[in-house]
Amino acid sequence: MQKQISNTPVEKGKIILIMSLFAFTILIMLSGAFFSVFSLVNHISFTVLNAHIHGALFGLMVIYFGIRNYFSVKKLKTEVYKNTSRFSWSNFKKEKTHRLAARSR
């Protein structure tokens, strides 16, 4: 079976917001790469719990979180571009009873 892709146009506002999220994610990854290179060139290190950690490791962490964010935005894009997706405040409510019921099983 093949997925059927609907040819219905996506709202312009959705496209702009998703593209801005992708741009922000790429900026996060680039800033992590820049900080890693800058730290390697200038021998920058930080003291964390009495241990010296090289600044390039922090840059790598920023790159890692940028990559994770990129995949999250990609997943969000598929959900937002669906015809049935609409904004609702109920999407932001936490359902504590649902989590407790799942844990008791």
PDB file of N, CA and C in Angstrom:
ATOM      1  N   MET A   1       0.831  -1.181   0.000  1.00  0.00           N
ATOM      2  CA  MET A   1       0.000   0.000   0.000  1.00  0.00           C
ATOM      3  C   MET A   1       0.873   1.240   0.000  1.00  0.00           C
ATOM      4  N   GLN A   2       0.440   2.214  -0.737  1.00  0.00           N
ATOM      5  CA  GLN A   2       1.152   3.468  -0.790  1.00  0.00           C
ATOM      6  C   GLN A   2       0.406   4.517   0.005  1.00  0.00           C
ATOM      7  N   LYS A   3       1.172   5.439   0.568  1.00  0.00           N
ATOM      8  CA  LYS A   3       0.547   6.558   1.253  1.00  0.00           C
ATOM      9  C   LYS A   3      -0.051   7.483   0.223  1.00  0.00           C
ATOM     10  N   GLN A   4      -1.236   7.943   0.504  1.00  0.00           N
ATOM     11  CA  GLN A   4      -1.835   8.928  -0.379  1.00  0.00           C
ATOM     12  C   GLN A   4      -1.517  10.312   0.164  1.00  0.00           C
ATOM     13  N   ILE A   5      -0.893  11.098  -0.689  1.00  0.00           N
ATOM     14  CA  ILE A   5      -0.540  12.453  -0.297  1.00  0.00           C
ATOM     15  C   ILE A   5      -1.612  13.373  -0.844  1.00  0.00           C
ATOM     16  N   SER A   6      -2.213  14.112   0.053  1.00  0.00           N
ATOM     17  CA  SER A   6      -3.255  15.027  -0.387  1.00  0.00           C
ATOM     18  C   SER A   6      -2.613  16.256  -1.010  1.00  0.00           C
ATOM     19  N   ASN A   7      -3.229  16.753  -2.038  1.00  0.00           N
ATOM     20  CA  ASN A   7      -2.710  17.915  -2.740  1.00  0.00           C
ATOM     21  C   ASN A   7      -3.335  19.211  -2.249  1.00  0.00           C
ATOM     22  N   THR A   8      -3.980  19.160  -1.107  1.00  0.00           N
ATOM     23  CA  THR A   8      -4.591  20.369  -0.586  1.00  0.00           C
ATOM     24  C   THR A   8      -3.493  21.306  -0.109  1.00  0.00           C
ATOM     25  N   PRO A   9      -3.623  22.586  -0.378  1.00  0.00           N
ATOM     26  CA  PRO A   9      -2.562  23.532   0.009  1.00  0.00           C
ATOM     27  C   PRO A   9      -2.513  23.719   1.526  1.00  0.00           C
ATOM     28  N   VAL A  10      -1.302  23.910   2.009  1.00  0.00           N
ATOM     29  CA  VAL A  10      -1.086  24.151   3.435  1.00  0.00           C
ATOM     30  C   VAL A  10      -1.151  25.657   3.657  1.00  0.00           C
ATOM     31  N   GLU A  11      -1.715  26.038   4.796  1.00  0.00           N
ATOM     32  CA  GLU A  11      -1.839  27.466   5.109  1.00  0.00           C
ATOM     33  C   GLU A  11      -0.461  28.129   5.132  1.00  0.00           C
ATOM     34  N   LYS A  12      -0.411  29.340   4.639  1.00  0.00           N
ATOM     35  CA  LYS A  12       0.856  30.072   4.548  1.00  0.00           C
ATOM     36  C   LYS A  12       1.456  30.333   5.928  1.00  0.00           C
ATOM     37  N   GLY A  13       0.615  30.568   6.912  1.00  0.00           N
ATOM     38  CA  GLY A  13       1.098  30.806   8.276  1.00  0.00           C
ATOM     39  C   GLY A  13       1.817  29.595   8.845  1.00  0.00           C
ATOM     40  N   LYS A  14       1.294  28.393   8.552  1.00  0.00           N
ATOM     41  CA  LYS A  14       1.936  27.170   9.028  1.00  0.00           C
ATOM     42  C   LYS A  14       3.308  27.002   8.387  1.00  0.00           C
ATOM     43  N   ILE A  15       3.382  27.287   7.098  1.00  0.00           N
ATOM     44  CA  ILE A  15       4.652  27.129   6.384  1.00  0.00           C
ATOM     45  C   ILE A  15       5.699  28.082   6.952  1.00  0.00           C
ATOM     46  N   ILE A  16       5.317  29.320   7.186  1.00  0.00           N
ATOM     47  CA  ILE A  16       6.262  30.320   7.704  1.00  0.00           C
ATOM     48  C   ILE A  16       6.746  29.925   9.096  1.00  0.00           C
ATOM     49  N   LEU A  17       5.839  29.472   9.961  1.00  0.00           N
ATOM     50  CA  LEU A  17       6.233  29.102  11.322  1.00  0.00           C
ATOM     51  C   LEU A  17       7.150  27.884  11.333  1.00  0.00           C
ATOM     52  N   ILE A  18       6.838  26.875  10.544  1.00  0.00           N
ATOM     53  CA  ILE A  18       7.680  25.679  10.509  1.00  0.00           C
ATOM     54  C   ILE A  18       9.048  26.005   9.927  1.00  0.00           C
ATOM     55  N   MET A  19       9.088  26.805   8.880  1.00  0.00           N
ATOM     56  CA  MET A  19      10.378  27.183   8.293  1.00  0.00           C
ATOM     57  C   MET A  19      11.209  28.026   9.267  1.00  0.00           C
ATOM     58  N   SER A  20      10.552  28.860  10.069  1.00  0.00           N
ATOM     59  CA  SER A  20      11.297  29.635  11.060  1.00  0.00           C
ATOM     60  C   SER A  20      11.837  28.719  12.162  1.00  0.00           C
ATOM     61  N   LEU A  21      11.099  27.674  12.514  1.00  0.00           N
ATOM     62  CA  LEU A  21      11.605  26.701  13.490  1.00  0.00           C
ATOM     63  C   LEU A  21      12.809  25.953  12.928  1.00  0.00           C
ATOM     64  N   PHE A  22      12.741  25.575  11.644  1.00  0.00           N
ATOM     65  CA  PHE A  22      13.888  24.916  11.019  1.00  0.00           C
ATOM     66  C   PHE A  22      15.097  25.854  10.987  1.00  0.00           C
ATOM     67  N   ALA A  23      14.878  27.118  10.671  1.00  0.00           N
ATOM     68  CA  ALA A  23      15.975  28.086  10.622  1.00  0.00           C
ATOM     69  C   ALA A  23      16.594  28.260  12.010  1.00  0.00           C
ATOM     70  N   PHE A  24      15.751  28.337  13.033  1.00  0.00           N
ATOM     71  CA  PHE A  24      16.244  28.479  14.400  1.00  0.00           C
ATOM     72  C   PHE A  24      17.046  27.249  14.814  1.00  0.00           C
ATOM     73  N   THR A  25      16.588  26.077  14.419  1.00  0.00           N
ATOM     74  CA  THR A  25      17.295  24.836  14.735  1.00  0.00           C
ATOM     75  C   THR A  25      18.657  24.802  14.064  1.00  0.00           C
ATOM     76  N   ILE A  26      18.711  25.235  12.815  1.00  0.00           N
ATOM     77  CA  ILE A  26      19.993  25.265  12.104  1.00  0.00           C
ATOM     78  C   ILE A  26      20.930  26.282  12.753  1.00  0.00           C
ATOM     79  N   LEU A  27      20.396  27.403  13.221  1.00  0.00           N
ATOM     80  CA  LEU A  27      21.229  28.386  13.927  1.00  0.00           C
ATOM     81  C   LEU A  27      21.800  27.808  15.222  1.00  0.00           C
ATOM     82  N   ILE A  28      21.021  26.994  15.909  1.00  0.00           N
ATOM     83  CA  ILE A  28      21.504  26.349  17.133  1.00  0.00           C
ATOM     84  C   ILE A  28      22.671  25.421  16.804  1.00  0.00           C
ATOM     85  N   MET A  29      22.517  24.616  15.756  1.00  0.00           N
ATOM     86  CA  MET A  29      23.591  23.698  15.382  1.00  0.00           C
ATOM     87  C   MET A  29      24.842  24.450  14.931  1.00  0.00           C
ATOM     88  N   LEU A  30      24.661  25.520  14.166  1.00  0.00           N
ATOM     89  CA  LEU A  30      25.813  26.306  13.714  1.00  0.00           C
ATOM     90  C   LEU A  30      26.519  27.002  14.868  1.00  0.00           C
ATOM     91  N   SER A  31      25.750  27.477  15.839  1.00  0.00           N
ATOM     92  CA  SER A  31      26.384  28.124  16.993  1.00  0.00           C
ATOM     93  C   SER A  31      27.177  27.109  17.814  1.00  0.00           C
ATOM     94  N   GLY A  32      26.669  25.887  17.921  1.00  0.00           N
ATOM     95  CA  GLY A  32      27.425  24.836  18.609  1.00  0.00           C
ATOM     96  C   GLY A  32      28.703  24.493  17.879  1.00  0.00           C
ATOM     97  N   ALA A  33      28.629  24.422  16.537  1.00  0.00           N
ATOM     98  CA  ALA A  33      29.835  24.139  15.750  1.00  0.00           C
ATOM     99  C   ALA A  33      30.838  25.272  15.877  1.00  0.00           C
ATOM    100  N   PHE A  34      30.354  26.514  15.815  1.00  0.00           N
ATOM    101  CA  PHE A  34      31.246  27.660  15.965  1.00  0.00           C
ATOM    102  C   PHE A  34      31.924  27.655  17.332  1.00  0.00           C
ATOM    103  N   PHE A  35      31.153  27.370  18.383  1.00  0.00           N
ATOM    104  CA  PHE A  35      31.732  27.382  19.725  1.00  0.00           C
ATOM    105  C   PHE A  35      32.749  26.259  19.895  1.00  0.00           C
ATOM    106  N   SER A  36      32.501  25.110  19.275  1.00  0.00           N
ATOM    107  CA  SER A  36      33.462  24.010  19.350  1.00  0.00           C
ATOM    108  C   SER A  36      34.784  24.398  18.697  1.00  0.00           C
ATOM    109  N   VAL A  37      34.708  24.948  17.499  1.00  0.00           N
ATOM    110  CA  VAL A  37      35.928  25.349  16.785  1.00  0.00           C
ATOM    111  C   VAL A  37      36.632  26.469  17.533  1.00  0.00           C
ATOM    112  N   PHE A  38      35.864  27.450  18.003  1.00  0.00           N
ATOM    113  CA  PHE A  38      36.437  28.565  18.751  1.00  0.00           C
ATOM    114  C   PHE A  38      37.140  28.077  20.014  1.00  0.00           C
ATOM    115  N   SER A  39      36.544  27.117  20.691  1.00  0.00           N
ATOM    116  CA  SER A  39      37.144  26.585  21.914  1.00  0.00           C
ATOM    117  C   SER A  39      38.407  25.791  21.613  1.00  0.00           C
ATOM    118  N   LEU A  40      38.416  25.073  20.506  1.00  0.00           N
ATOM    119  CA  LEU A  40      39.612  24.318  20.139  1.00  0.00           C
ATOM    120  C   LEU A  40      40.759  25.253  19.767  1.00  0.00           C
ATOM    121  N   VAL A  41      40.449  26.304  19.024  1.00  0.00           N
ATOM    122  CA  VAL A  41      41.493  27.236  18.590  1.00  0.00           C
ATOM    123  C   VAL A  41      42.056  28.025  19.765  1.00  0.00           C
ATOM    124  N   ASN A  42      41.191  28.458  20.672  1.00  0.00           N
ATOM    125  CA  ASN A  42      41.612  29.324  21.778  1.00  0.00           C
ATOM    126  C   ASN A  42      41.828  28.585  23.089  1.00  0.00           C
ATOM    127  N   HIS A  43      41.748  27.272  23.094  1.00  0.00           N
ATOM    128  CA  HIS A  43      41.986  26.445  24.284  1.00  0.00           C
ATOM    129  C   HIS A  43      41.123  26.894  25.464  1.00  0.00           C
ATOM    130  N   ILE A  44      39.824  26.973  25.233  1.00  0.00           N
ATOM    131  CA  ILE A  44      38.884  27.391  26.274  1.00  0.00           C
ATOM    132  C   ILE A  44      38.411  26.160  27.036  1.00  0.00           C
ATOM    133  N   SER A  45      38.411  26.264  28.353  1.00  0.00           N
ATOM    134  CA  SER A  45      37.879  25.175  29.186  1.00  0.00           C
ATOM    135  C   SER A  45      37.099  25.788  30.339  1.00  0.00           C
ATOM    136  N   PHE A  46      36.202  24.998  30.877  1.00  0.00           N
ATOM    137  CA  PHE A  46      35.347  25.426  31.977  1.00  0.00           C
ATOM    138  C   PHE A  46      35.550  24.492  33.155  1.00  0.00           C
ATOM    139  N   THR A  47      35.362  25.031  34.344  1.00  0.00           N
ATOM    140  CA  THR A  47      35.438  24.209  35.546  1.00  0.00           C
ATOM    141  C   THR A  47      34.027  23.812  35.951  1.00  0.00           C
ATOM    142  N   VAL A  48      33.797  22.519  35.959  1.00  0.00           N
ATOM    143  CA  VAL A  48      32.499  21.979  36.350  1.00  0.00           C
ATOM    144  C   VAL A  48      32.749  20.936  37.430  1.00  0.00           C
ATOM    145  N   LEU A  49      32.254  21.190  38.629  1.00  0.00           N
ATOM    146  CA  LEU A  49      32.446  20.283  39.766  1.00  0.00           C
ATOM    147  C   LEU A  49      33.923  19.923  39.950  1.00  0.00           C
ATOM    148  N   ASN A  50      34.766  20.938  39.972  1.00  0.00           N
ATOM    149  CA  ASN A  50      36.212  20.807  40.178  1.00  0.00           C
ATOM    150  C   ASN A  50      36.916  19.998  39.085  1.00  0.00           C
ATOM    151  N   ALA A  51      36.329  19.886  37.911  1.00  0.00           N
ATOM    152  CA  ALA A  51      36.970  19.223  36.781  1.00  0.00           C
ATOM    153  C   ALA A  51      36.993  20.199  35.608  1.00  0.00           C
ATOM    154  N   HIS A  52      38.089  20.203  34.879  1.00  0.00           N
ATOM    155  CA  HIS A  52      38.211  21.080  33.715  1.00  0.00           C
ATOM    156  C   HIS A  52      37.646  20.362  32.496  1.00  0.00           C
ATOM    157  N   ILE A  53      36.605  20.948  31.919  1.00  0.00           N
ATOM    158  CA  ILE A  53      35.954  20.402  30.733  1.00  0.00           C
ATOM    159  C   ILE A  53      36.253  21.329  29.572  1.00  0.00           C
ATOM    160  N   HIS A  54      36.706  20.770  28.473  1.00  0.00           N
ATOM    161  CA  HIS A  54      37.038  21.592  27.307  1.00  0.00           C
ATOM    162  C   HIS A  54      35.759  22.168  26.714  1.00  0.00           C
ATOM    163  N   GLY A  55      35.839  23.395  26.225  1.00  0.00           N
ATOM    164  CA  GLY A  55      34.686  24.082  25.659  1.00  0.00           C
ATOM    165  C   GLY A  55      34.116  23.390  24.437  1.00  0.00           C
ATOM    166  N   ALA A  56      34.951  22.635  23.722  1.00  0.00           N
ATOM    167  CA  ALA A  56      34.468  21.924  22.539  1.00  0.00           C
ATOM    168  C   ALA A  56      33.407  20.891  22.909  1.00  0.00           C
ATOM    169  N   LEU A  57      33.491  20.334  24.107  1.00  0.00           N
ATOM    170  CA  LEU A  57      32.472  19.366  24.538  1.00  0.00           C
ATOM    171  C   LEU A  57      31.115  20.038  24.713  1.00  0.00           C
ATOM    172  N   PHE A  58      31.130  21.264  25.234  1.00  0.00           N
ATOM    173  CA  PHE A  58      29.869  22.000  25.342  1.00  0.00           C
ATOM    174  C   PHE A  58      29.305  22.309  23.958  1.00  0.00           C
ATOM    175  N   GLY A  59      30.180  22.648  23.034  1.00  0.00           N
ATOM    176  CA  GLY A  59      29.740  22.882  21.667  1.00  0.00           C
ATOM    177  C   GLY A  59      29.144  21.637  21.046  1.00  0.00           C
ATOM    178  N   LEU A  60      29.747  20.489  21.312  1.00  0.00           N
ATOM    179  CA  LEU A  60      29.194  19.226  20.797  1.00  0.00           C
ATOM    180  C   LEU A  60      27.832  18.925  21.401  1.00  0.00           C
ATOM    181  N   MET A  61      27.668  19.275  22.677  1.00  0.00           N
ATOM    182  CA  MET A  61      26.361  19.082  23.304  1.00  0.00           C
ATOM    183  C   MET A  61      25.306  19.964  22.639  1.00  0.00           C
ATOM    184  N   VAL A  62      25.659  21.196  22.313  1.00  0.00           N
ATOM    185  CA  VAL A  62      24.727  22.100  21.646  1.00  0.00           C
ATOM    186  C   VAL A  62      24.372  21.562  20.262  1.00  0.00           C
ATOM    187  N   ILE A  63      25.371  21.036  19.552  1.00  0.00           N
ATOM    188  CA  ILE A  63      25.095  20.434  18.245  1.00  0.00           C
ATOM    189  C   ILE A  63      24.151  19.250  18.398  1.00  0.00           C
ATOM    190  N   TYR A  64      24.397  18.402  19.398  1.00  0.00           N
ATOM    191  CA  TYR A  64      23.538  17.235  19.638  1.00  0.00           C
ATOM    192  C   TYR A  64      22.098  17.656  19.910  1.00  0.00           C
ATOM    193  N   PHE A  65      21.905  18.649  20.777  1.00  0.00           N
ATOM    194  CA  PHE A  65      20.542  19.092  21.069  1.00  0.00           C
ATOM    195  C   PHE A  65      19.905  19.778  19.863  1.00  0.00           C
ATOM    196  N   GLY A  66      20.711  20.418  19.037  1.00  0.00           N
ATOM    197  CA  GLY A  66      20.190  20.989  17.801  1.00  0.00           C
ATOM    198  C   GLY A  66      19.704  19.918  16.847  1.00  0.00           C
ATOM    199  N   ILE A  67      20.451  18.816  16.754  1.00  0.00           N
ATOM    200  CA  ILE A  67      20.030  17.705  15.893  1.00  0.00           C
ATOM    201  C   ILE A  67      18.751  17.083  16.424  1.00  0.00           C
ATOM    202  N   ARG A  68      18.666  16.890  17.737  1.00  0.00           N
ATOM    203  CA  ARG A  68      17.428  16.345  18.319  1.00  0.00           C
ATOM    204  C   ARG A  68      16.255  17.270  18.040  1.00  0.00           C
ATOM    205  N   ASN A  69      16.496  18.582  18.156  1.00  0.00           N
ATOM    206  CA  ASN A  69      15.454  19.559  17.889  1.00  0.00           C
ATOM    207  C   ASN A  69      15.032  19.511  16.426  1.00  0.00           C
ATOM    208  N   TYR A  70      15.985  19.316  15.515  1.00  0.00           N
ATOM    209  CA  TYR A  70      15.685  19.232  14.092  1.00  0.00           C
ATOM    210  C   TYR A  70      14.708  18.086  13.807  1.00  0.00           C
ATOM    211  N   PHE A  71      14.980  16.915  14.393  1.00  0.00           N
ATOM    212  CA  PHE A  71      14.086  15.780  14.174  1.00  0.00           C
ATOM    213  C   PHE A  71      12.717  15.997  14.828  1.00  0.00           C
ATOM    214  N   SER A  72      12.695  16.707  15.943  1.00  0.00           N
ATOM    215  CA  SER A  72      11.413  17.019  16.578  1.00  0.00           C
ATOM    216  C   SER A  72      10.591  17.972  15.711  1.00  0.00           C
ATOM    217  N   VAL A  73      11.246  18.953  15.113  1.00  0.00           N
ATOM    218  CA  VAL A  73      10.537  19.886  14.238  1.00  0.00           C
ATOM    219  C   VAL A  73      10.062  19.167  12.977  1.00  0.00           C
ATOM    220  N   LYS A  74      10.861  18.230  12.494  1.00  0.00           N
ATOM    221  CA  LYS A  74      10.465  17.445  11.317  1.00  0.00           C
ATOM    222  C   LYS A  74       9.215  16.622  11.615  1.00  0.00           C
ATOM    223  N   LYS A  75       9.172  16.034  12.804  1.00  0.00           N
ATOM    224  CA  LYS A  75       7.997  15.268  13.227  1.00  0.00           C
ATOM    225  C   LYS A  75       6.792  16.187  13.415  1.00  0.00           C
ATOM    226  N   LEU A  76       7.034  17.370  13.979  1.00  0.00           N
ATOM    227  CA  LEU A  76       5.964  18.348  14.155  1.00  0.00           C
ATOM    228  C   LEU A  76       5.410  18.794  12.807  1.00  0.00           C
ATOM    229  N   LYS A  77       6.278  18.948  11.842  1.00  0.00           N
ATOM    230  CA  LYS A  77       5.861  19.379  10.507  1.00  0.00           C
ATOM    231  C   LYS A  77       4.865  18.404   9.902  1.00  0.00           C
ATOM    232  N   THR A  78       5.117  17.106  10.038  1.00  0.00           N
ATOM    233  CA  THR A  78       4.192  16.124   9.475  1.00  0.00           C
ATOM    234  C   THR A  78       2.833  16.190  10.161  1.00  0.00           C
ATOM    235  N   GLU A  79       2.838  16.474  11.461  1.00  0.00           N
ATOM    236  CA  GLU A  79       1.571  16.571  12.184  1.00  0.00           C
ATOM    237  C   GLU A  79       0.816  17.853  11.850  1.00  0.00           C
ATOM    238  N   VAL A  80       1.533  18.953  11.725  1.00  0.00           N
ATOM    239  CA  VAL A  80       0.901  20.249  11.491  1.00  0.00           C
ATOM    240  C   VAL A  80       0.363  20.359  10.068  1.00  0.00           C
ATOM    241  N   TYR A  81       1.026  19.724   9.121  1.00  0.00           N
ATOM    242  CA  TYR A  81       0.609  19.823   7.728  1.00  0.00           C
ATOM    243  C   TYR A  81      -0.598  18.950   7.389  1.00  0.00           C
ATOM    244  N   LYS A  82      -1.059  18.162   8.328  1.00  0.00           N
ATOM    245  CA  LYS A  82      -2.260  17.360   8.088  1.00  0.00           C
ATOM    246  C   LYS A  82      -3.470  18.272   7.964  1.00  0.00           C
ATOM    247  N   ASN A  83      -4.422  17.858   7.149  1.00  0.00           N
ATOM    248  CA  ASN A  83      -5.639  18.659   6.957  1.00  0.00           C
ATOM    249  C   ASN A  83      -6.477  18.738   8.224  1.00  0.00           C
ATOM    250  N   THR A  84      -6.386  17.723   9.054  1.00  0.00           N
ATOM    251  CA  THR A  84      -7.228  17.659  10.249  1.00  0.00           C
ATOM    252  C   THR A  84      -6.639  18.417  11.430  1.00  0.00           C
ATOM    253  N   SER A  85      -5.413  18.934  11.307  1.00  0.00           N
ATOM    254  CA  SER A  85      -4.799  19.599  12.453  1.00  0.00           C
ATOM    255  C   SER A  85      -5.359  21.010  12.616  1.00  0.00           C
ATOM    256  N   ARG A  86      -5.776  21.303  13.813  1.00  0.00           N
ATOM    257  CA  ARG A  86      -6.312  22.609  14.179  1.00  0.00           C
ATOM    258  C   ARG A  86      -5.742  22.980  15.544  1.00  0.00           C
ATOM    259  N   PHE A  87      -5.637  24.269  15.801  1.00  0.00           N
ATOM    260  CA  PHE A  87      -5.140  24.723  17.088  1.00  0.00           C
ATOM    261  C   PHE A  87      -6.207  24.537  18.152  1.00  0.00           C
ATOM    262  N   SER A  88      -5.790  24.045  19.303  1.00  0.00           N
ATOM    263  CA  SER A  88      -6.695  23.890  20.423  1.00  0.00           C
ATOM    264  C   SER A  88      -5.893  24.018  21.714  1.00  0.00           C
ATOM    265  N   TRP A  89      -6.438  24.774  22.655  1.00  0.00           N
ATOM    266  CA  TRP A  89      -5.767  24.916  23.949  1.00  0.00           C
ATOM    267  C   TRP A  89      -5.735  23.597  24.703  1.00  0.00           C
ATOM    268  N   SER A  90      -6.645  22.703  24.397  1.00  0.00           N
ATOM    269  CA  SER A  90      -6.672  21.418  25.096  1.00  0.00           C
ATOM    270  C   SER A  90      -5.436  20.576  24.767  1.00  0.00           C
ATOM    271  N   ASN A  91      -4.727  20.888  23.685  1.00  0.00           N
ATOM    272  CA  ASN A  91      -3.508  20.159  23.360  1.00  0.00           C
ATOM    273  C   ASN A  91      -2.400  20.425  24.378  1.00  0.00           C
ATOM    274  N   PHE A  92      -2.503  21.512  25.127  1.00  0.00           N
ATOM    275  CA  PHE A  92      -1.468  21.896  26.070  1.00  0.00           C
ATOM    276  C   PHE A  92      -1.763  21.441  27.498  1.00  0.00           C
ATOM    277  N   LYS A  93      -2.919  20.844  27.718  1.00  0.00           N
ATOM    278  CA  LYS A  93      -3.257  20.370  29.058  1.00  0.00           C
ATOM    279  C   LYS A  93      -2.564  19.042  29.324  1.00  0.00           C
ATOM    280  N   LYS A  94      -2.110  18.892  30.543  1.00  0.00           N
ATOM    281  CA  LYS A  94      -1.488  17.628  30.938  1.00  0.00           C
ATOM    282  C   LYS A  94      -2.560  16.733  31.535  1.00  0.00           C
ATOM    283  N   GLU A  95      -2.576  15.516  31.064  1.00  0.00           N
ATOM    284  CA  GLU A  95      -3.551  14.555  31.574  1.00  0.00           C
ATOM    285  C   GLU A  95      -2.854  13.655  32.584  1.00  0.00           C
ATOM    286  N   LYS A  96      -2.931  14.023  33.848  1.00  0.00           N
ATOM    287  CA  LYS A  96      -2.257  13.259  34.881  1.00  0.00           C
ATOM    288  C   LYS A  96      -2.951  11.925  35.132  1.00  0.00           C
ATOM    289  N   THR A  97      -4.250  11.882  34.981  1.00  0.00           N
ATOM    290  CA  THR A  97      -4.972  10.639  35.243  1.00  0.00           C
ATOM    291  C   THR A  97      -4.613   9.583  34.207  1.00  0.00           C
ATOM    292  N   HIS A  98      -4.340   9.992  32.979  1.00  0.00           N
ATOM    293  CA  HIS A  98      -3.983   9.047  31.938  1.00  0.00           C
ATOM    294  C   HIS A  98      -2.626   8.401  32.230  1.00  0.00           C
ATOM    295  N   ARG A  99      -1.690   9.203  32.714  1.00  0.00           N
ATOM    296  CA  ARG A  99      -0.369   8.677  33.031  1.00  0.00           C
ATOM    297  C   ARG A  99      -0.429   7.718  34.217  1.00  0.00           C
ATOM    298  N   LEU A 100      -1.230   8.060  35.213  1.00  0.00           N
ATOM    299  CA  LEU A 100      -1.338   7.196  36.374  1.00  0.00           C
ATOM    300  C   LEU A 100      -1.996   5.881  36.014  1.00  0.00           C
ATOM    301  N   ALA A 101      -2.971   5.904  35.139  1.00  0.00           N
ATOM    302  CA  ALA A 101      -3.639   4.672  34.730  1.00  0.00           C
ATOM    303  C   ALA A 101      -2.678   3.787  33.954  1.00  0.00           C
ATOM    304  N   ALA A 102      -1.800   4.368  33.151  1.00  0.00           N
ATOM    305  CA  ALA A 102      -0.848   3.583  32.378  1.00  0.00           C
ATOM    306  C   ALA A 102       0.213   2.962  33.276  1.00  0.00           C
ATOM    307  N   ARG A 103       0.596   3.644  34.357  1.00  0.00           N
ATOM    308  CA  ARG A 103       1.611   3.113  35.257  1.00  0.00           C
ATOM    309  C   ARG A 103       1.090   1.947  36.099  1.00  0.00           C
ATOM    310  N   SER A 104      -0.192   1.954  36.409  1.00  0.00           N
ATOM    311  CA  SER A 104      -0.734   0.923  37.300  1.00  0.00           C
ATOM    312  C   SER A 104      -0.897  -0.413  36.583  1.00  0.00           C
ATOM    313  N   ARG A 105      -0.786  -0.433  35.282  1.00  0.00           N
ATOM    314  CA  ARG A 105      -0.966  -1.688  34.538  1.00  0.00           C
ATOM    315  C   ARG A 105       0.205  -2.591  34.652  1.00  0.00           C
TER     316      ARG A 105
END
